[in-house]
Amino acid sequence: MQAPVCRDCFAGTLRGDAMPTGSEEVVHGLPTYVAHPNTGTTPLGTVVLLTDAFGWKLRNTRALADAYAKRVPCTPPPPAWRKHLTTLSLAPTLLRFLFRTRQAVAHPRVLAFLTALRTASPSTPVGVAGFCWGGLHAVLLTHDVPQNKVTVEGAEYPLIECAFTAHPSLLSFPGHIERVARPLSVANGDDDQYMGKGKMQTLVRILEGKNAEVGSEGRHEAVVYPGAKHGFAVRGDRADPKQRERGEQSEEQAVRWFQRWFERGEGRA
């Protein structure tokens, strides 16, 4: 497992001045921020945001959910999986956060929410977008295991059509990537605080190999953004033109990914 946190997790302002346009609702038992597509548009599916340590109330996260909702279009809810981090008394807060949100505790909650979501409307495509802490869970959801499937009226459905993750953390290499089966798109810097160059190169190599095995160049993808800092997809420094550009590019990457798998229905293959 990689180092749990880096300084860039607590910095950056990309979308920090945006005014969220969604609403807070209780969805399948969890308080949730629900973003809405433009009036008159029909959502292609639902995208669930698996947020970073700052959680579902962070303005940056809500602004990103709004962007997905309008651009895909979709209805992306970032649920309150756990209490978010604060920048006060960082070290003890971080330790409590990591204990409360360890995989054995948090992932069953993720599975329960997605199972309820999928069961309620099995024909609606579902995708996940995971950032930092949420990236681990996004990757786990792509594995071909029984808990990532649901049966409704005798028909079996995957919990998700596809997954997107930016600057994921807490991944185990190479195992978590070797078990990827559902379509996965990864956005990361070339020398991320967590992965470093070596692990990112391993991730790229494994996903390229999986594409070759199924005769597809695009079932999985990994886009490397030179110079991108950890957190760039959600909280990149807008005063830095390169970081702002990288954040906008990763948003475009995610939008295209969800549009592709939702529109074509390829995620069930």
C-alpha atoms as a PDB file:
ATOM      1  CA  MET A   1       0.000   0.000   0.000  1.00  0.00           C
ATOM      2  CA  GLN A   2       1.234   3.472  -0.786  1.00  0.00           C
ATOM      3  CA  ALA A   3       1.772   6.442   1.500  1.00  0.00           C
ATOM      4  CA  PRO A   4      -1.658   7.628   2.655  1.00  0.00           C
ATOM      5  CA  VAL A   5      -1.485  11.351   1.992  1.00  0.00           C
ATOM      6  CA  CYS A   6       0.566  14.029   0.308  1.00  0.00           C
ATOM      7  CA  ARG A   7       0.707  17.809   0.647  1.00  0.00           C
ATOM      8  CA  ASP A   8      -1.125  18.314  -2.653  1.00  0.00           C
ATOM      9  CA  CYS A   9      -4.210  16.619  -1.173  1.00  0.00           C
ATOM     10  CA  PHE A  10      -4.737  19.778   0.867  1.00  0.00           C
ATOM     11  CA  ALA A  11      -3.986  22.381  -1.798  1.00  0.00           C
ATOM     12  CA  GLY A  12      -5.404  23.729  -5.031  1.00  0.00           C
ATOM     13  CA  THR A  13      -8.472  25.691  -6.002  1.00  0.00           C
ATOM     14  CA  LEU A  14      -9.704  24.376  -9.369  1.00  0.00           C
ATOM     15  CA  ARG A  15     -13.511  24.899  -9.394  1.00  0.00           C
ATOM     16  CA  GLY A  16     -13.279  26.176  -5.808  1.00  0.00           C
ATOM     17  CA  ASP A  17     -15.148  29.370  -6.718  1.00  0.00           C
ATOM     18  CA  ALA A  18     -17.948  27.606  -8.591  1.00  0.00           C
ATOM     19  CA  MET A  19     -21.468  27.708  -7.183  1.00  0.00           C
ATOM     20  CA  PRO A  20     -22.984  24.201  -7.047  1.00  0.00           C
ATOM     21  CA  THR A  21     -26.354  23.877  -8.766  1.00  0.00           C
ATOM     22  CA  GLY A  22     -27.466  20.486  -7.435  1.00  0.00           C
ATOM     23  CA  SER A  23     -29.365  19.519  -4.319  1.00  0.00           C
ATOM     24  CA  GLU A  24     -28.793  17.496  -1.164  1.00  0.00           C
ATOM     25  CA  GLU A  25     -31.010  14.427  -0.943  1.00  0.00           C
ATOM     26  CA  VAL A  26     -31.067  11.090   0.859  1.00  0.00           C
ATOM     27  CA  VAL A  27     -30.401   8.353  -1.697  1.00  0.00           C
ATOM     28  CA  HIS A  28     -30.594   4.730  -0.576  1.00  0.00           C
ATOM     29  CA  GLY A  29     -30.055   5.764   3.015  1.00  0.00           C
ATOM     30  CA  LEU A  30     -27.099   8.086   2.470  1.00  0.00           C
ATOM     31  CA  PRO A  31     -27.055  11.896   2.392  1.00  0.00           C
ATOM     32  CA  THR A  32     -26.065  12.685  -1.166  1.00  0.00           C
ATOM     33  CA  TYR A  33     -25.367  15.636  -3.433  1.00  0.00           C
ATOM     34  CA  VAL A  34     -27.406  15.109  -6.595  1.00  0.00           C
ATOM     35  CA  ALA A  35     -26.365  17.072  -9.675  1.00  0.00           C
ATOM     36  CA  HIS A  36     -28.860  17.690 -12.452  1.00  0.00           C
ATOM     37  CA  PRO A  37     -28.466  17.724 -16.249  1.00  0.00           C
ATOM     38  CA  ASN A  38     -29.646  20.663 -18.307  1.00  0.00           C
ATOM     39  CA  THR A  39     -33.402  21.059 -18.612  1.00  0.00           C
ATOM     40  CA  GLY A  40     -34.794  19.114 -21.536  1.00  0.00           C
ATOM     41  CA  THR A  41     -31.930  16.610 -21.771  1.00  0.00           C
ATOM     42  CA  THR A  42     -32.277  12.911 -21.054  1.00  0.00           C
ATOM     43  CA  PRO A  43     -29.529  11.444 -18.853  1.00  0.00           C
ATOM     44  CA  LEU A  44     -27.536   8.636 -20.438  1.00  0.00           C
ATOM     45  CA  GLY A  45     -26.975   7.055 -17.038  1.00  0.00           C
ATOM     46  CA  THR A  46     -25.779   7.658 -13.496  1.00  0.00           C
ATOM     47  CA  VAL A  47     -22.234   8.432 -12.383  1.00  0.00           C
ATOM     48  CA  VAL A  48     -21.384   7.927  -8.711  1.00  0.00           C
ATOM     49  CA  LEU A  49     -18.460  10.025  -7.495  1.00  0.00           C
ATOM     50  CA  LEU A  50     -16.154   8.271  -5.043  1.00  0.00           C
ATOM     51  CA  THR A  51     -14.513  11.343  -3.629  1.00  0.00           C
ATOM     52  CA  ASP A  52     -11.133  12.118  -2.176  1.00  0.00           C
ATOM     53  CA  ALA A  53     -10.549  12.636   1.546  1.00  0.00           C
ATOM     54  CA  PHE A  54     -12.393  15.965   1.582  1.00  0.00           C
ATOM     55  CA  GLY A  55     -15.694  14.258   0.904  1.00  0.00           C
ATOM     56  CA  TRP A  56     -18.994  15.111  -0.683  1.00  0.00           C
ATOM     57  CA  LYS A  57     -19.393  18.624   0.732  1.00  0.00           C
ATOM     58  CA  LEU A  58     -16.263  20.023  -0.940  1.00  0.00           C
ATOM     59  CA  ARG A  59     -17.312  22.705  -3.413  1.00  0.00           C
ATOM     60  CA  ASN A  60     -14.766  21.490  -5.962  1.00  0.00           C
ATOM     61  CA  THR A  61     -16.291  18.006  -5.921  1.00  0.00           C
ATOM     62  CA  ARG A  62     -19.825  19.313  -6.290  1.00  0.00           C
ATOM     63  CA  ALA A  63     -18.805  21.555  -9.173  1.00  0.00           C
ATOM     64  CA  LEU A  64     -17.236  18.558 -10.908  1.00  0.00           C
ATOM     65  CA  ALA A  65     -20.438  16.563 -10.365  1.00  0.00           C
ATOM     66  CA  ASP A  66     -22.392  19.439 -11.926  1.00  0.00           C
ATOM     67  CA  ALA A  67     -20.046  19.422 -14.917  1.00  0.00           C
ATOM     68  CA  TYR A  68     -20.482  15.679 -15.451  1.00  0.00           C
ATOM     69  CA  ALA A  69     -24.267  15.974 -15.125  1.00  0.00           C
ATOM     70  CA  LYS A  70     -24.487  18.597 -17.833  1.00  0.00           C
ATOM     71  CA  ARG A  71     -21.807  17.312 -20.181  1.00  0.00           C
ATOM     72  CA  VAL A  72     -22.357  13.515 -20.239  1.00  0.00           C
ATOM     73  CA  PRO A  73     -25.335  14.088 -19.441  1.00  0.00           C
ATOM     74  CA  CYS A  74     -25.950  12.012 -16.330  1.00  0.00           C
ATOM     75  CA  THR A  75     -27.049  12.237 -12.721  1.00  0.00           C
ATOM     76  CA  PRO A  76     -23.923  11.912 -10.561  1.00  0.00           C
ATOM     77  CA  PRO A  77     -24.424  11.612  -6.797  1.00  0.00           C
ATOM     78  CA  PRO A  78     -21.391  11.882  -4.476  1.00  0.00           C
ATOM     79  CA  PRO A  79     -22.693  10.146  -1.328  1.00  0.00           C
ATOM     80  CA  ALA A  80     -21.458  10.736   2.206  1.00  0.00           C
ATOM     81  CA  TRP A  81     -19.471   7.534   2.643  1.00  0.00           C
ATOM     82  CA  ARG A  82     -17.645   8.914   5.666  1.00  0.00           C
ATOM     83  CA  LYS A  83     -16.719  12.128   7.452  1.00  0.00           C
ATOM     84  CA  HIS A  84     -14.403  14.316   5.423  1.00  0.00           C
ATOM     85  CA  LEU A  85     -10.975  15.501   6.473  1.00  0.00           C
ATOM     86  CA  THR A  86     -10.210  18.917   7.844  1.00  0.00           C
ATOM     87  CA  THR A  87      -6.911  20.756   7.663  1.00  0.00           C
ATOM     88  CA  LEU A  88      -6.907  21.369  11.424  1.00  0.00           C
ATOM     89  CA  SER A  89      -4.926  18.937  13.577  1.00  0.00           C
ATOM     90  CA  LEU A  90      -4.101  17.155  10.351  1.00  0.00           C
ATOM     91  CA  ALA A  91      -2.055  14.223  11.632  1.00  0.00           C
ATOM     92  CA  PRO A  92      -4.539  12.832  14.190  1.00  0.00           C
ATOM     93  CA  THR A  93      -7.457  13.596  11.885  1.00  0.00           C
ATOM     94  CA  LEU A  94      -5.742  11.722   9.070  1.00  0.00           C
ATOM     95  CA  LEU A  95      -5.096   8.693  11.245  1.00  0.00           C
ATOM     96  CA  ARG A  96      -8.731   8.593  12.339  1.00  0.00           C
ATOM     97  CA  PHE A  97      -9.844   8.990   8.740  1.00  0.00           C
ATOM     98  CA  LEU A  98      -7.676   6.114   7.535  1.00  0.00           C
ATOM     99  CA  PHE A  99      -8.937   3.882  10.340  1.00  0.00           C
ATOM    100  CA  ARG A 100     -12.614   4.716   9.758  1.00  0.00           C
ATOM    101  CA  THR A 101     -12.329   4.352   6.002  1.00  0.00           C
ATOM    102  CA  ARG A 102     -10.097   1.301   5.704  1.00  0.00           C
ATOM    103  CA  GLN A 103     -11.113  -1.006   2.897  1.00  0.00           C
ATOM    104  CA  ALA A 104     -12.758  -3.605   5.141  1.00  0.00           C
ATOM    105  CA  VAL A 105     -15.090  -0.937   6.538  1.00  0.00           C
ATOM    106  CA  ALA A 106     -15.724   1.395   3.612  1.00  0.00           C
ATOM    107  CA  HIS A 107     -15.947  -0.923   0.627  1.00  0.00           C
ATOM    108  CA  PRO A 108     -19.006  -2.849   1.886  1.00  0.00           C
ATOM    109  CA  ARG A 109     -20.794   0.516   2.131  1.00  0.00           C
ATOM    110  CA  VAL A 110     -19.833   1.326  -1.441  1.00  0.00           C
ATOM    111  CA  LEU A 111     -21.110  -2.066  -2.587  1.00  0.00           C
ATOM    112  CA  ALA A 112     -24.373  -1.673  -0.664  1.00  0.00           C
ATOM    113  CA  PHE A 113     -25.089   1.737  -2.192  1.00  0.00           C
ATOM    114  CA  LEU A 114     -24.342   0.606  -5.744  1.00  0.00           C
ATOM    115  CA  THR A 115     -26.313  -2.611  -5.297  1.00  0.00           C
ATOM    116  CA  ALA A 116     -29.355  -0.613  -4.197  1.00  0.00           C
ATOM    117  CA  LEU A 117     -28.872   1.850  -7.048  1.00  0.00           C
ATOM    118  CA  ARG A 118     -28.556  -0.888  -9.669  1.00  0.00           C
ATOM    119  CA  THR A 119     -31.419  -2.968  -8.286  1.00  0.00           C
ATOM    120  CA  ALA A 120     -33.784   0.012  -8.308  1.00  0.00           C
ATOM    121  CA  SER A 121     -33.180   0.636 -12.023  1.00  0.00           C
ATOM    122  CA  PRO A 122     -31.194  -2.216 -13.609  1.00  0.00           C
ATOM    123  CA  SER A 123     -31.538  -0.860 -17.140  1.00  0.00           C
ATOM    124  CA  THR A 124     -29.912   2.478 -16.241  1.00  0.00           C
ATOM    125  CA  PRO A 125     -26.164   2.455 -16.953  1.00  0.00           C
ATOM    126  CA  VAL A 126     -24.022   3.172 -13.898  1.00  0.00           C
ATOM    127  CA  GLY A 127     -20.442   4.414 -13.843  1.00  0.00           C
ATOM    128  CA  VAL A 128     -18.124   5.467 -11.044  1.00  0.00           C
ATOM    129  CA  ALA A 129     -15.508   8.204 -10.881  1.00  0.00           C
ATOM    130  CA  GLY A 130     -12.965   7.792  -8.095  1.00  0.00           C
ATOM    131  CA  PHE A 131     -10.436  10.365  -6.928  1.00  0.00           C
ATOM    132  CA  CYS A 132      -7.484   9.659  -4.605  1.00  0.00           C
ATOM    133  CA  TRP A 133      -9.120   7.635  -1.774  1.00  0.00           C
ATOM    134  CA  GLY A 134     -12.076   6.882  -4.035  1.00  0.00           C
ATOM    135  CA  GLY A 135      -9.780   5.608  -6.768  1.00  0.00           C
ATOM    136  CA  LEU A 136      -9.120   2.399  -4.860  1.00  0.00           C
ATOM    137  CA  HIS A 137     -12.830   1.623  -4.710  1.00  0.00           C
ATOM    138  CA  ALA A 138     -13.344   2.517  -8.372  1.00  0.00           C
ATOM    139  CA  VAL A 139     -10.650   0.012  -9.352  1.00  0.00           C
ATOM    140  CA  LEU A 140     -12.037  -2.683  -7.030  1.00  0.00           C
ATOM    141  CA  LEU A 141     -15.440  -2.304  -8.690  1.00  0.00           C
ATOM    142  CA  THR A 142     -13.938  -3.299 -12.048  1.00  0.00           C
ATOM    143  CA  HIS A 143     -12.896  -6.742 -10.780  1.00  0.00           C
ATOM    144  CA  ASP A 144     -14.820  -9.800 -11.992  1.00  0.00           C
ATOM    145  CA  VAL A 145     -16.030 -11.033  -8.609  1.00  0.00           C
ATOM    146  CA  PRO A 146     -19.512 -12.053  -7.380  1.00  0.00           C
ATOM    147  CA  GLN A 147     -19.991  -8.993  -5.162  1.00  0.00           C
ATOM    148  CA  ASN A 148     -19.681  -6.754  -8.235  1.00  0.00           C
ATOM    149  CA  LYS A 149     -22.823  -8.253  -9.787  1.00  0.00           C
ATOM    150  CA  VAL A 150     -26.514  -8.101  -8.976  1.00  0.00           C
ATOM    151  CA  THR A 151     -29.429 -10.292 -10.072  1.00  0.00           C
ATOM    152  CA  VAL A 152     -32.775  -8.629 -10.762  1.00  0.00           C
ATOM    153  CA  GLU A 153     -35.780 -10.726 -11.852  1.00  0.00           C
ATOM    154  CA  GLY A 154     -33.509 -13.543 -12.952  1.00  0.00           C
ATOM    155  CA  ALA A 155     -31.166 -11.376 -15.030  1.00  0.00           C
ATOM    156  CA  GLU A 156     -27.580 -10.674 -13.959  1.00  0.00           C
ATOM    157  CA  TYR A 157     -26.141  -7.176 -14.208  1.00  0.00           C
ATOM    158  CA  PRO A 158     -22.715  -5.783 -13.369  1.00  0.00           C
ATOM    159  CA  LEU A 159     -22.791  -3.146 -10.642  1.00  0.00           C
ATOM    160  CA  ILE A 160     -21.095  -0.731 -13.031  1.00  0.00           C
ATOM    161  CA  GLU A 161     -20.703  -0.292 -16.767  1.00  0.00           C
ATOM    162  CA  CYS A 162     -17.333   1.399 -16.442  1.00  0.00           C
ATOM    163  CA  ALA A 163     -15.013   3.279 -14.109  1.00  0.00           C
ATOM    164  CA  PHE A 164     -12.848   6.378 -14.278  1.00  0.00           C
ATOM    165  CA  THR A 165     -10.200   7.286 -11.738  1.00  0.00           C
ATOM    166  CA  ALA A 166      -7.809  10.193 -11.385  1.00  0.00           C
ATOM    167  CA  HIS A 167      -4.709  10.122  -9.171  1.00  0.00           C
ATOM    168  CA  PRO A 168      -5.861   6.974  -7.308  1.00  0.00           C
ATOM    169  CA  SER A 169      -4.226   6.069  -4.009  1.00  0.00           C
ATOM    170  CA  LEU A 170      -3.926   3.020  -1.747  1.00  0.00           C
ATOM    171  CA  LEU A 171      -3.675   0.598  -4.682  1.00  0.00           C
ATOM    172  CA  SER A 172      -1.681  -2.609  -4.341  1.00  0.00           C
ATOM    173  CA  PHE A 173       0.602  -3.288  -7.284  1.00  0.00           C
ATOM    174  CA  PRO A 174       0.331  -5.168  -9.477  1.00  0.00           C
ATOM    175  CA  GLY A 175      -2.600  -7.173  -8.071  1.00  0.00           C
ATOM    176  CA  HIS A 176      -5.357  -4.568  -8.085  1.00  0.00           C
ATOM    177  CA  ILE A 177      -4.625  -3.667 -11.712  1.00  0.00           C
ATOM    178  CA  GLU A 178      -4.124  -7.232 -12.913  1.00  0.00           C
ATOM    179  CA  ARG A 179      -7.660  -8.094 -11.783  1.00  0.00           C
ATOM    180  CA  VAL A 180      -9.312  -5.247 -13.721  1.00  0.00           C
ATOM    181  CA  ALA A 181     -12.107  -6.559 -15.960  1.00  0.00           C
ATOM    182  CA  ARG A 182     -14.752  -3.851 -16.420  1.00  0.00           C
ATOM    183  CA  PRO A 183     -13.740  -0.903 -18.636  1.00  0.00           C
ATOM    184  CA  LEU A 184     -11.338   1.367 -16.732  1.00  0.00           C
ATOM    185  CA  SER A 185      -9.950   4.803 -17.591  1.00  0.00           C
ATOM    186  CA  VAL A 186      -7.086   6.230 -15.525  1.00  0.00           C
ATOM    187  CA  ALA A 187      -5.791   9.812 -15.425  1.00  0.00           C
ATOM    188  CA  ASN A 188      -2.574  10.484 -13.557  1.00  0.00           C
ATOM    189  CA  GLY A 189       0.612  12.488 -13.578  1.00  0.00           C
ATOM    190  CA  ASP A 190       3.838  11.004 -14.869  1.00  0.00           C
ATOM    191  CA  ASP A 191       5.409  11.127 -11.399  1.00  0.00           C
ATOM    192  CA  ASP A 192       2.477  11.140  -8.969  1.00  0.00           C
ATOM    193  CA  GLN A 193       3.153  11.440  -5.251  1.00  0.00           C
ATOM    194  CA  TYR A 194       1.620   8.012  -4.646  1.00  0.00           C
ATOM    195  CA  MET A 195       2.546   5.897  -7.641  1.00  0.00           C
ATOM    196  CA  GLY A 196       5.732   7.416  -8.911  1.00  0.00           C
ATOM    197  CA  LYS A 197       6.952   6.693 -12.422  1.00  0.00           C
ATOM    198  CA  GLY A 198       7.538   2.983 -11.922  1.00  0.00           C
ATOM    199  CA  LYS A 199       4.049   2.028 -10.758  1.00  0.00           C
ATOM    200  CA  MET A 200       2.385   4.242 -13.332  1.00  0.00           C
ATOM    201  CA  GLN A 201       4.401   2.542 -16.053  1.00  0.00           C
ATOM    202  CA  THR A 202       3.324  -0.820 -14.645  1.00  0.00           C
ATOM    203  CA  LEU A 203      -0.326   0.263 -14.712  1.00  0.00           C
ATOM    204  CA  VAL A 204      -0.048   1.391 -18.331  1.00  0.00           C
ATOM    205  CA  ARG A 205       1.668  -1.845 -19.357  1.00  0.00           C
ATOM    206  CA  ILE A 206      -0.948  -4.055 -17.678  1.00  0.00           C
ATOM    207  CA  LEU A 207      -3.926  -2.209 -19.175  1.00  0.00           C
ATOM    208  CA  GLU A 208      -2.347  -2.227 -22.635  1.00  0.00           C
ATOM    209  CA  GLY A 209      -1.830  -5.964 -22.255  1.00  0.00           C
ATOM    210  CA  LYS A 210      -5.472  -6.462 -21.327  1.00  0.00           C
ATOM    211  CA  ASN A 211      -6.555  -4.550 -24.419  1.00  0.00           C
ATOM    212  CA  ALA A 212      -4.356  -6.776 -26.572  1.00  0.00           C
ATOM    213  CA  GLU A 213      -5.843  -9.921 -25.008  1.00  0.00           C
ATOM    214  CA  VAL A 214      -9.394  -8.981 -26.018  1.00  0.00           C
ATOM    215  CA  GLY A 215      -8.402  -7.448 -29.340  1.00  0.00           C
ATOM    216  CA  SER A 216      -9.462  -3.970 -28.308  1.00  0.00           C
ATOM    217  CA  GLU A 217      -7.335  -0.853 -28.032  1.00  0.00           C
ATOM    218  CA  GLY A 218      -9.918   0.979 -26.012  1.00  0.00           C
ATOM    219  CA  ARG A 219     -11.540  -1.251 -23.400  1.00  0.00           C
ATOM    220  CA  HIS A 220      -9.104   0.241 -20.897  1.00  0.00           C
ATOM    221  CA  GLU A 221      -7.034   3.390 -21.071  1.00  0.00           C
ATOM    222  CA  ALA A 222      -4.424   5.228 -19.042  1.00  0.00           C
ATOM    223  CA  VAL A 223      -3.660   8.841 -19.865  1.00  0.00           C
ATOM    224  CA  VAL A 224      -0.443  10.239 -18.426  1.00  0.00           C
ATOM    225  CA  TYR A 225      -0.358  14.008 -17.869  1.00  0.00           C
ATOM    226  CA  PRO A 226       3.254  15.220 -17.666  1.00  0.00           C
ATOM    227  CA  GLY A 227       3.835  17.439 -14.663  1.00  0.00           C
ATOM    228  CA  ALA A 228       0.344  16.971 -13.203  1.00  0.00           C
ATOM    229  CA  LYS A 229       0.332  17.095  -9.409  1.00  0.00           C
ATOM    230  CA  HIS A 230      -1.670  14.820  -7.148  1.00  0.00           C
ATOM    231  CA  GLY A 231      -5.213  16.171  -6.889  1.00  0.00           C
ATOM    232  CA  PHE A 232      -5.100  17.968 -10.253  1.00  0.00           C
ATOM    233  CA  ALA A 233      -8.426  16.564 -11.473  1.00  0.00           C
ATOM    234  CA  VAL A 234     -10.402  18.032  -8.558  1.00  0.00           C
ATOM    235  CA  ARG A 235      -8.322  20.681  -6.818  1.00  0.00           C
ATOM    236  CA  GLY A 236      -5.638  21.722  -9.286  1.00  0.00           C
ATOM    237  CA  ASP A 237      -4.075  25.152  -8.809  1.00  0.00           C
ATOM    238  CA  ARG A 238      -5.958  27.408 -11.231  1.00  0.00           C
ATOM    239  CA  ALA A 239      -3.179  30.012 -10.912  1.00  0.00           C
ATOM    240  CA  ASP A 240      -0.857  27.525 -12.607  1.00  0.00           C
ATOM    241  CA  PRO A 241      -1.852  27.347 -16.306  1.00  0.00           C
ATOM    242  CA  LYS A 242      -0.460  23.829 -16.697  1.00  0.00           C
ATOM    243  CA  GLN A 243      -2.307  22.435 -13.666  1.00  0.00           C
ATOM    244  CA  ARG A 244      -5.546  24.096 -14.721  1.00  0.00           C
ATOM    245  CA  GLU A 245      -5.178  22.673 -18.232  1.00  0.00           C
ATOM    246  CA  ARG A 246      -4.477  19.197 -16.856  1.00  0.00           C
ATOM    247  CA  GLY A 247      -7.603  19.381 -14.686  1.00  0.00           C
ATOM    248  CA  GLU A 248      -9.757  20.415 -17.625  1.00  0.00           C
ATOM    249  CA  GLN A 249      -8.247  17.685 -19.808  1.00  0.00           C
ATOM    250  CA  SER A 250      -8.997  15.004 -17.228  1.00  0.00           C
ATOM    251  CA  GLU A 251     -12.605  16.203 -17.023  1.00  0.00           C
ATOM    252  CA  GLU A 252     -12.868  15.858 -20.793  1.00  0.00           C
ATOM    253  CA  GLN A 253     -11.360  12.376 -20.551  1.00  0.00           C
ATOM    254  CA  ALA A 254     -13.986  11.282 -18.017  1.00  0.00           C
ATOM    255  CA  VAL A 255     -16.880  12.800 -19.968  1.00  0.00           C
ATOM    256  CA  ARG A 256     -15.843  11.011 -23.169  1.00  0.00           C
ATOM    257  CA  TRP A 257     -15.424   7.737 -21.282  1.00  0.00           C
ATOM    258  CA  PHE A 258     -18.891   7.768 -19.754  1.00  0.00           C
ATOM    259  CA  GLN A 259     -20.492   8.900 -23.000  1.00  0.00           C
ATOM    260  CA  ARG A 260     -18.854   6.044 -24.867  1.00  0.00           C
ATOM    261  CA  TRP A 261     -19.871   3.224 -22.560  1.00  0.00           C
ATOM    262  CA  PHE A 262     -23.305   4.614 -21.736  1.00  0.00           C
ATOM    263  CA  GLU A 263     -24.279   5.327 -25.352  1.00  0.00           C
ATOM    264  CA  ARG A 264     -22.930   2.139 -26.899  1.00  0.00           C
ATOM    265  CA  GLY A 265     -23.872  -0.177 -24.087  1.00  0.00           C
ATOM    266  CA  GLU A 266     -20.483  -1.829 -24.430  1.00  0.00           C
ATOM    267  CA  GLY A 267     -20.006  -2.079 -20.693  1.00  0.00           C
ATOM    268  CA  ARG A 268     -22.211  -5.172 -20.455  1.00  0.00           C
ATOM    269  CA  ALA A 269     -20.011  -7.122 -22.854  1.00  0.00           C
END
